[in-house]
C-alpha atoms as a PDB file:
ATOM      1  CA  MET A   1     162.905 -41.273-172.339  1.00  0.00           C
ATOM      2  CA  ILE A   2     160.585 -43.549-170.361  1.00  0.00           C
ATOM      3  CA  ASP A   3     158.092 -41.827-168.042  1.00  0.00           C
ATOM      4  CA  ASP A   4     154.378 -42.384-167.440  1.00  0.00           C
ATOM      5  CA  ASP A   5     153.948 -38.707-166.492  1.00  0.00           C
ATOM      6  CA  VAL A   6     152.824 -37.315-169.857  1.00  0.00           C
ATOM      7  CA  ARG A   7     153.542 -33.713-168.882  1.00  0.00           C
ATOM      8  CA  MET A   8     157.053 -34.536-167.667  1.00  0.00           C
ATOM      9  CA  LEU A   9     157.699 -36.619-170.762  1.00  0.00           C
ATOM     10  CA  ARG A  10     156.648 -33.768-173.035  1.00  0.00           C
ATOM     11  CA  LEU A  11     158.643 -31.109-171.182  1.00  0.00           C
ATOM     12  CA  VAL A  12     161.862 -33.112-171.060  1.00  0.00           C
ATOM     13  CA  THR A  13     161.710 -34.297-174.661  1.00  0.00           C
ATOM     14  CA  GLN A  14     161.062 -30.716-175.795  1.00  0.00           C
ATOM     15  CA  GLN A  15     164.043 -29.520-173.750  1.00  0.00           C
ATOM     16  CA  LEU A  16     166.287 -32.224-175.195  1.00  0.00           C
ATOM     17  CA  GLU A  17     165.123 -31.464-178.712  1.00  0.00           C
ATOM     18  CA  ALA A  18     165.834 -27.752-178.198  1.00  0.00           C
ATOM     19  CA  SER A  19     169.357 -28.738-177.112  1.00  0.00           C
ATOM     20  CA  GLY A  20     169.999 -30.535-180.374  1.00  0.00           C
ATOM     21  CA  HIS A  21     169.029 -34.096-179.460  1.00  0.00           C
ATOM     22  CA  SER A  22     166.449 -36.289-181.214  1.00  0.00           C
ATOM     23  CA  PRO A  23     164.468 -37.734-178.288  1.00  0.00           C
ATOM     24  CA  THR A  24     161.864 -40.487-178.333  1.00  0.00           C
ATOM     25  CA  GLY A  25     159.361 -40.683-175.476  1.00  0.00           C
ATOM     26  CA  VAL A  26     157.411 -43.722-174.244  1.00  0.00           C
ATOM     27  CA  ALA A  27     155.223 -44.213-171.185  1.00  0.00           C
ATOM     28  CA  ASP A  28     156.032 -47.755-170.016  1.00  0.00           C
ATOM     29  CA  GLY A  29     158.801 -50.295-169.844  1.00  0.00           C
ATOM     30  CA  LEU A  30     157.354 -52.818-172.297  1.00  0.00           C
ATOM     31  CA  THR A  31     157.045 -50.204-175.039  1.00  0.00           C
ATOM     32  CA  ALA A  32     160.603 -49.091-174.291  1.00  0.00           C
ATOM     33  CA  LEU A  33     161.957 -52.632-174.669  1.00  0.00           C
ATOM     34  CA  GLN A  34     160.109 -52.994-177.965  1.00  0.00           C
ATOM     35  CA  ALA A  35     161.584 -49.692-179.173  1.00  0.00           C
ATOM     36  CA  LEU A  36     165.072 -50.935-178.271  1.00  0.00           C
ATOM     37  CA  GLU A  37     164.535 -54.010-180.416  1.00  0.00           C
ATOM     38  CA  ALA A  38     163.751 -51.775-183.391  1.00  0.00           C
ATOM     39  CA  ASP A  39     166.344 -49.032-182.966  1.00  0.00           C
ATOM     40  CA  ASP A  40     169.603 -48.052-181.265  1.00  0.00           C
ATOM     41  CA  PHE A  41     169.687 -45.202-178.752  1.00  0.00           C
ATOM     42  CA  GLU A  42     172.669 -43.166-177.589  1.00  0.00           C
ATOM     43  CA  LEU A  43     171.233 -42.609-174.103  1.00  0.00           C
ATOM     44  CA  ILE A  44     168.183 -43.721-172.118  1.00  0.00           C
ATOM     45  CA  ILE A  45     166.395 -41.790-169.348  1.00  0.00           C
ATOM     46  CA  ILE A  46     164.145 -43.894-167.104  1.00  0.00           C
ATOM     47  CA  ASP A  47     161.738 -42.810-164.375  1.00  0.00           C
ATOM     48  CA  VAL A  48     161.914 -45.195-161.418  1.00  0.00           C
ATOM     49  CA  GLY A  49     158.188 -44.964-160.619  1.00  0.00           C
ATOM     50  CA  LEU A  50     156.827 -46.636-163.742  1.00  0.00           C
ATOM     51  CA  PRO A  51     153.604 -48.669-163.506  1.00  0.00           C
ATOM     52  CA  GLY A  52     153.891 -52.432-163.867  1.00  0.00           C
ATOM     53  CA  MET A  53     157.546 -53.049-164.654  1.00  0.00           C
ATOM     54  CA  ASP A  54     159.254 -50.391-162.526  1.00  0.00           C
ATOM     55  CA  GLY A  55     162.258 -48.340-163.570  1.00  0.00           C
ATOM     56  CA  PHE A  56     164.736 -50.617-161.807  1.00  0.00           C
ATOM     57  CA  GLN A  57     163.414 -53.688-163.618  1.00  0.00           C
ATOM     58  CA  VAL A  58     163.434 -51.843-166.937  1.00  0.00           C
ATOM     59  CA  THR A  59     167.016 -50.706-166.305  1.00  0.00           C
ATOM     60  CA  GLU A  60     168.131 -54.267-165.600  1.00  0.00           C
ATOM     61  CA  ARG A  61     166.366 -55.609-168.693  1.00  0.00           C
ATOM     62  CA  ILE A  62     167.857 -52.912-170.903  1.00  0.00           C
ATOM     63  CA  ARG A  63     171.335 -53.395-169.473  1.00  0.00           C
ATOM     64  CA  SER A  64     171.195 -57.107-170.293  1.00  0.00           C
ATOM     65  CA  ARG A  65     170.843 -56.298-173.986  1.00  0.00           C
ATOM     66  CA  SER A  66     172.295 -52.816-174.474  1.00  0.00           C
ATOM     67  CA  ASP A  67     175.387 -50.888-173.413  1.00  0.00           C
ATOM     68  CA  ALA A  68     173.683 -47.507-173.935  1.00  0.00           C
ATOM     69  CA  PRO A  69     174.176 -45.171-170.950  1.00  0.00           C
ATOM     70  CA  ILE A  70     171.188 -44.938-168.601  1.00  0.00           C
ATOM     71  CA  ILE A  71     170.099 -42.047-166.372  1.00  0.00           C
ATOM     72  CA  ILE A  72     167.415 -42.814-163.803  1.00  0.00           C
ATOM     73  CA  LEU A  73     164.941 -40.234-162.501  1.00  0.00           C
ATOM     74  CA  THR A  74     163.807 -40.700-158.912  1.00  0.00           C
ATOM     75  CA  GLY A  75     161.776 -38.783-156.368  1.00  0.00           C
ATOM     76  CA  HIS A  76     163.661 -40.520-153.553  1.00  0.00           C
ATOM     77  CA  THR A  77     166.757 -38.998-152.010  1.00  0.00           C
ATOM     78  CA  GLU A  78     167.764 -42.094-150.029  1.00  0.00           C
ATOM     79  CA  THR A  79     171.200 -43.448-150.855  1.00  0.00           C
ATOM     80  CA  THR A  80     169.803 -46.987-151.023  1.00  0.00           C
ATOM     81  CA  THR A  81     167.541 -46.010-153.929  1.00  0.00           C
ATOM     82  CA  LYS A  82     170.427 -44.513-155.867  1.00  0.00           C
ATOM     83  CA  LEU A  83     172.687 -47.481-155.156  1.00  0.00           C
ATOM     84  CA  ARG A  84     170.005 -49.893-156.313  1.00  0.00           C
ATOM     85  CA  GLY A  85     169.858 -48.022-159.597  1.00  0.00           C
ATOM     86  CA  PHE A  86     173.609 -48.391-160.030  1.00  0.00           C
ATOM     87  CA  ARG A  87     173.423 -52.100-159.240  1.00  0.00           C
ATOM     88  CA  MET A  88     170.793 -52.543-161.940  1.00  0.00           C
ATOM     89  CA  GLY A  89     173.143 -50.896-164.434  1.00  0.00           C
ATOM     90  CA  ALA A  90     172.354 -47.162-164.367  1.00  0.00           C
ATOM     91  CA  ASP A  91     175.177 -44.735-165.114  1.00  0.00           C
ATOM     92  CA  ASP A  92     173.753 -41.698-163.325  1.00  0.00           C
ATOM     93  CA  TYR A  93     170.672 -40.423-161.512  1.00  0.00           C
ATOM     94  CA  VAL A  94     168.718 -37.181-161.184  1.00  0.00           C
ATOM     95  CA  VAL A  95     166.471 -36.493-158.189  1.00  0.00           C
ATOM     96  CA  LYS A  96     163.022 -34.994-158.804  1.00  0.00           C
ATOM     97  CA  PRO A  97     162.144 -32.186-158.867  1.00  0.00           C
ATOM     98  CA  PHE A  98     165.033 -31.088-161.038  1.00  0.00           C
ATOM     99  CA  ASN A  99     165.993 -28.108-163.149  1.00  0.00           C
ATOM    100  CA  SER A 100     165.992 -28.780-166.885  1.00  0.00           C
ATOM    101  CA  ASP A 101     169.512 -27.356-167.104  1.00  0.00           C
ATOM    102  CA  GLU A 102     170.683 -29.911-164.520  1.00  0.00           C
ATOM    103  CA  LEU A 103     169.279 -32.796-166.541  1.00  0.00           C
ATOM    104  CA  GLU A 104     170.838 -31.438-169.723  1.00  0.00           C
ATOM    105  CA  ALA A 105     174.195 -31.146-167.941  1.00  0.00           C
ATOM    106  CA  ARG A 106     173.912 -34.756-166.752  1.00  0.00           C
ATOM    107  CA  VAL A 107     173.003 -35.913-170.254  1.00  0.00           C
ATOM    108  CA  ARG A 108     176.017 -34.161-171.753  1.00  0.00           C
ATOM    109  CA  ALA A 109     178.329 -35.487-169.028  1.00  0.00           C
ATOM    110  CA  VAL A 110     177.184 -39.087-169.470  1.00  0.00           C
ATOM    111  CA  MET A 111     177.443 -38.907-173.250  1.00  0.00           C
ATOM    112  CA  ARG A 112     180.870 -37.295-173.003  1.00  0.00           C
ATOM    113  CA  ARG A 113     182.079 -40.119-170.749  1.00  0.00           C
ATOM    114  CA  THR A 114     180.659 -42.698-173.112  1.00  0.00           C
ATOM    115  CA  ARG A 115     182.367 -41.211-176.144  1.00  0.00           C
ATOM    116  CA  ALA A 116     185.663 -40.495-174.428  1.00  0.00           C
ATOM    117  CA  THR A 117     188.633 -42.584-175.476  1.00  0.00           C
ATOM    118  CA  ALA A 118     190.505 -44.084-172.543  1.00  0.00           C
ATOM    119  CA  PRO A 119     194.330 -43.837-172.471  1.00  0.00           C
ATOM    120  CA  ARG A 120     196.096 -46.812-174.034  1.00  0.00           C
ATOM    121  CA  GLY A 121     198.524 -49.291-172.551  1.00  0.00           C
ATOM    122  CA  SER A 122     200.960 -51.520-174.450  1.00  0.00           C
ATOM    123  CA  GLU A 123     199.199 -52.919-177.529  1.00  0.00           C
ATOM    124  CA  THR A 124     199.803 -56.283-179.123  1.00  0.00           C
ATOM    125  CA  ALA A 125     199.547 -56.970-182.838  1.00  0.00           C
ATOM    126  CA  GLY A 126     196.056 -58.388-182.339  1.00  0.00           C
ATOM    127  CA  GLY A 127     194.711 -55.181-180.839  1.00  0.00           C
ATOM    128  CA  HIS A 128     194.841 -56.500-177.265  1.00  0.00           C
ATOM    129  CA  GLN A 129     196.517 -54.501-174.527  1.00  0.00           C
ATOM    130  CA  ILE A 130     198.489 -56.351-171.882  1.00  0.00           C
ATOM    131  CA  VAL A 131     198.771 -54.779-168.430  1.00  0.00           C
ATOM    132  CA  GLY A 132     200.496 -57.222-166.098  1.00  0.00           C
ATOM    133  CA  ASP A 133     198.162 -60.190-165.614  1.00  0.00           C
ATOM    134  CA  PHE A 134     195.282 -58.358-167.286  1.00  0.00           C
ATOM    135  CA  GLU A 135     194.403 -58.509-170.970  1.00  0.00           C
ATOM    136  CA  VAL A 136     192.336 -55.595-172.272  1.00  0.00           C
ATOM    137  CA  ILE A 137     190.360 -55.198-175.492  1.00  0.00           C
ATOM    138  CA  GLU A 138     189.444 -51.556-175.154  1.00  0.00           C
ATOM    139  CA  ALA A 139     187.211 -51.259-178.228  1.00  0.00           C
ATOM    140  CA  GLN A 140     184.942 -53.996-176.869  1.00  0.00           C
ATOM    141  CA  HIS A 141     185.253 -53.035-173.181  1.00  0.00           C
ATOM    142  CA  LEU A 142     186.597 -56.501-172.360  1.00  0.00           C
ATOM    143  CA  ILE A 143     189.030 -57.296-169.558  1.00  0.00           C
ATOM    144  CA  GLY A 144     190.438 -60.699-168.697  1.00  0.00           C
ATOM    145  CA  PHE A 145     192.484 -61.656-165.648  1.00  0.00           C
ATOM    146  CA  ARG A 146     194.713 -64.722-165.975  1.00  0.00           C
ATOM    147  CA  GLY A 147     192.439 -66.181-168.627  1.00  0.00           C
ATOM    148  CA  GLU A 148     189.187 -65.419-166.800  1.00  0.00           C
ATOM    149  CA  ASP A 149     186.711 -62.920-168.295  1.00  0.00           C
ATOM    150  CA  VAL A 150     185.893 -60.173-165.778  1.00  0.00           C
ATOM    151  CA  LYS A 151     182.781 -59.150-167.802  1.00  0.00           C
ATOM    152  CA  PRO A 152     182.703 -55.492-166.717  1.00  0.00           C
ATOM    153  CA  THR A 153     179.971 -53.036-167.621  1.00  0.00           C
ATOM    154  CA  ARG A 154     181.082 -49.932-169.494  1.00  0.00           C
ATOM    155  CA  MET A 155     181.621 -47.874-166.324  1.00  0.00           C
ATOM    156  CA  GLU A 156     183.219 -50.777-164.451  1.00  0.00           C
ATOM    157  CA  PHE A 157     185.606 -51.074-167.372  1.00  0.00           C
ATOM    158  CA  LYS A 158     186.509 -47.370-167.210  1.00  0.00           C
ATOM    159  CA  LEU A 159     187.160 -47.503-163.465  1.00  0.00           C
ATOM    160  CA  LEU A 160     189.216 -50.706-163.589  1.00  0.00           C
ATOM    161  CA  TRP A 161     191.141 -49.397-166.589  1.00  0.00           C
ATOM    162  CA  GLN A 162     192.059 -46.229-164.677  1.00  0.00           C
ATOM    163  CA  LEU A 163     193.424 -48.411-161.885  1.00  0.00           C
ATOM    164  CA  LEU A 164     195.333 -50.629-164.313  1.00  0.00           C
ATOM    165  CA  LEU A 165     196.976 -47.582-165.862  1.00  0.00           C
ATOM    166  CA  ALA A 166     198.456 -46.608-162.480  1.00  0.00           C
ATOM    167  CA  PRO A 167     199.971 -49.845-161.081  1.00  0.00           C
ATOM    168  CA  ASN A 168     201.086 -49.659-157.444  1.00  0.00           C
ATOM    169  CA  VAL A 169     200.035 -45.999-157.258  1.00  0.00           C
ATOM    170  CA  VAL A 170     197.688 -44.582-154.619  1.00  0.00           C
ATOM    171  CA  LEU A 171     195.013 -42.539-156.412  1.00  0.00           C
ATOM    172  CA  PRO A 172     192.818 -39.980-154.594  1.00  0.00           C
ATOM    173  CA  HIS A 173     189.119 -40.751-154.902  1.00  0.00           C
ATOM    174  CA  THR A 174     188.629 -37.362-156.570  1.00  0.00           C
ATOM    175  CA  GLU A 175     191.055 -38.354-159.321  1.00  0.00           C
ATOM    176  CA  LEU A 176     189.379 -41.707-159.907  1.00  0.00           C
ATOM    177  CA  LEU A 177     185.907 -40.172-160.024  1.00  0.00           C
ATOM    178  CA  ALA A 178     186.966 -37.342-162.309  1.00  0.00           C
ATOM    179  CA  ALA A 179     188.761 -39.710-164.685  1.00  0.00           C
ATOM    180  CA  ALA A 180     185.946 -42.260-164.900  1.00  0.00           C
ATOM    181  CA  TRP A 181     182.855 -40.049-164.566  1.00  0.00           C
ATOM    182  CA  GLY A 182     184.026 -36.476-165.166  1.00  0.00           C
ATOM    183  CA  PRO A 183     185.224 -33.550-163.006  1.00  0.00           C
ATOM    184  CA  GLU A 184     181.705 -32.687-161.868  1.00  0.00           C
ATOM    185  CA  TYR A 185     181.543 -36.058-160.063  1.00  0.00           C
ATOM    186  CA  ALA A 186     184.840 -35.725-158.187  1.00  0.00           C
ATOM    187  CA  ASN A 187     183.195 -35.809-154.737  1.00  0.00           C
ATOM    188  CA  ASP A 188     180.355 -38.276-155.380  1.00  0.00           C
ATOM    189  CA  LEU A 189     181.638 -41.198-153.313  1.00  0.00           C
ATOM    190  CA  GLY A 190     178.409 -43.122-153.835  1.00  0.00           C
ATOM    191  CA  TYR A 191     179.474 -43.934-157.383  1.00  0.00           C
ATOM    192  CA  LEU A 192     182.854 -45.244-156.233  1.00  0.00           C
ATOM    193  CA  ARG A 193     181.345 -47.378-153.455  1.00  0.00           C
ATOM    194  CA  VAL A 194     179.005 -49.176-155.812  1.00  0.00           C
ATOM    195  CA  TYR A 195     181.447 -49.766-158.638  1.00  0.00           C
ATOM    196  CA  ILE A 196     184.350 -50.870-156.430  1.00  0.00           C
ATOM    197  CA  ARG A 197     182.013 -53.324-154.742  1.00  0.00           C
ATOM    198  CA  ARG A 198     180.782 -54.646-158.081  1.00  0.00           C
ATOM    199  CA  LEU A 199     184.331 -55.072-159.343  1.00  0.00           C
ATOM    200  CA  ARG A 200     185.262 -56.931-156.164  1.00  0.00           C
ATOM    201  CA  GLU A 201     182.300 -59.271-156.639  1.00  0.00           C
ATOM    202  CA  LYS A 202     183.399 -60.017-160.204  1.00  0.00           C
ATOM    203  CA  ILE A 203     187.120 -60.460-159.548  1.00  0.00           C
ATOM    204  CA  GLU A 204     187.407 -61.986-156.082  1.00  0.00           C
ATOM    205  CA  PRO A 205     188.121 -64.583-155.028  1.00  0.00           C
ATOM    206  CA  ALA A 206     190.782 -64.264-157.710  1.00  0.00           C
ATOM    207  CA  PRO A 207     192.998 -67.123-158.909  1.00  0.00           C
ATOM    208  CA  CYS A 208     195.763 -68.247-156.556  1.00  0.00           C
ATOM    209  CA  GLY A 209     193.792 -67.013-153.556  1.00  0.00           C
ATOM    210  CA  GLN A 210     194.402 -63.342-154.344  1.00  0.00           C
ATOM    211  CA  ARG A 211     191.744 -60.914-153.264  1.00  0.00           C
ATOM    212  CA  LEU A 212     190.701 -57.331-153.717  1.00  0.00           C
ATOM    213  CA  SER A 213     191.148 -55.262-150.589  1.00  0.00           C
ATOM    214  CA  ALA A 214     189.067 -52.382-149.262  1.00  0.00           C
ATOM    215  CA  PRO A 215     190.588 -50.305-146.460  1.00  0.00           C
ATOM    216  CA  CYS A 216     188.762 -47.219-145.339  1.00  0.00           C
ATOM    217  CA  LYS A 217     189.661 -43.889-147.049  1.00  0.00           C
ATOM    218  CA  ALA A 218     189.233 -42.927-150.671  1.00  0.00           C
ATOM    219  CA  TRP A 219     191.898 -44.173-152.973  1.00  0.00           C
ATOM    220  CA  GLY A 220     192.577 -47.082-155.309  1.00  0.00           C
ATOM    221  CA  THR A 221     195.532 -49.150-156.386  1.00  0.00           C
ATOM    222  CA  CYS A 222     195.999 -51.896-158.912  1.00  0.00           C
ATOM    223  CA  SER A 223     199.136 -54.017-159.016  1.00  0.00           C
ATOM    224  CA  GLN A 224     200.212 -55.252-162.435  1.00  0.00           C
ATOM    225  CA  ARG A 225     201.135 -58.609-160.963  1.00  0.00           C
ATOM    226  CA  ARG A 226     198.251 -58.966-158.555  1.00  0.00           C
ATOM    227  CA  ALA A 227     194.542 -58.217-158.793  1.00  0.00           C
ATOM    228  CA  LYS A 228     194.391 -55.696-156.027  1.00  0.00           C
ATOM    229  CA  LEU A 229     191.947 -52.824-155.770  1.00  0.00           C
ATOM    230  CA  ALA A 230     191.559 -50.635-152.741  1.00  0.00           C
ATOM    231  CA  ALA A 231     188.930 -48.037-152.016  1.00  0.00           C
ATOM    232  CA  GLN A 232     189.253 -46.319-148.686  1.00  0.00           C
ATOM    233  CA  ILE A 233     185.531 -45.879-148.286  1.00  0.00           C
ATOM    234  CA  PRO A 234     182.987 -47.941-146.341  1.00  0.00           C
ATOM    235  CA  LEU A 235     181.351 -50.374-148.731  1.00  0.00           C
ATOM    236  CA  PRO A 236     177.595 -51.000-148.471  1.00  0.00           C
END
């Protein structure tokens, strides 16, 4: 956990330890980056309001070198703050002040998503999975489209993989959110907005002039023969 509030750092690490985790606490981003060079962590909690290198910058730096799930802590309730965290690579957020049980629930949910095994498509002898024009290496969270590497983050991979597993099928936003993030996130459209937008930025304009579409309610489709995603939600 990274937080310059010593009292908060102590309370949260004690709570996590009591829940069976083995937390490490540091007070600034530079120390956190140094710790990441020396050890691997299953999950990282970052306070946005860090001195010097703020929590968003730390999140971006960590994401560039680690795929460990990240939860950001913020005292801001504005959607823009939360969305910025997602863009930097965060997997979830908790708004201060928060109940320790809420944070523990978020920690367990994020770790459960990270450890979950996604359903499999048709596998080739080399361990690749072919879904229409997409080639998937699930163990490495790699997806290619017509020879081009999509380079998804872990959560982008999970969302796109859910869409690939249901070609030409309209999926309710609740189903997508529950499958990718967990049932407790079924109505959190903010997650879907950010990740659909990020996938669109990475995939479109696709080869042959094909594009990802975004109508305006909450569902998604992915054609096996075309790179087509749809999220019926207003994108930021």
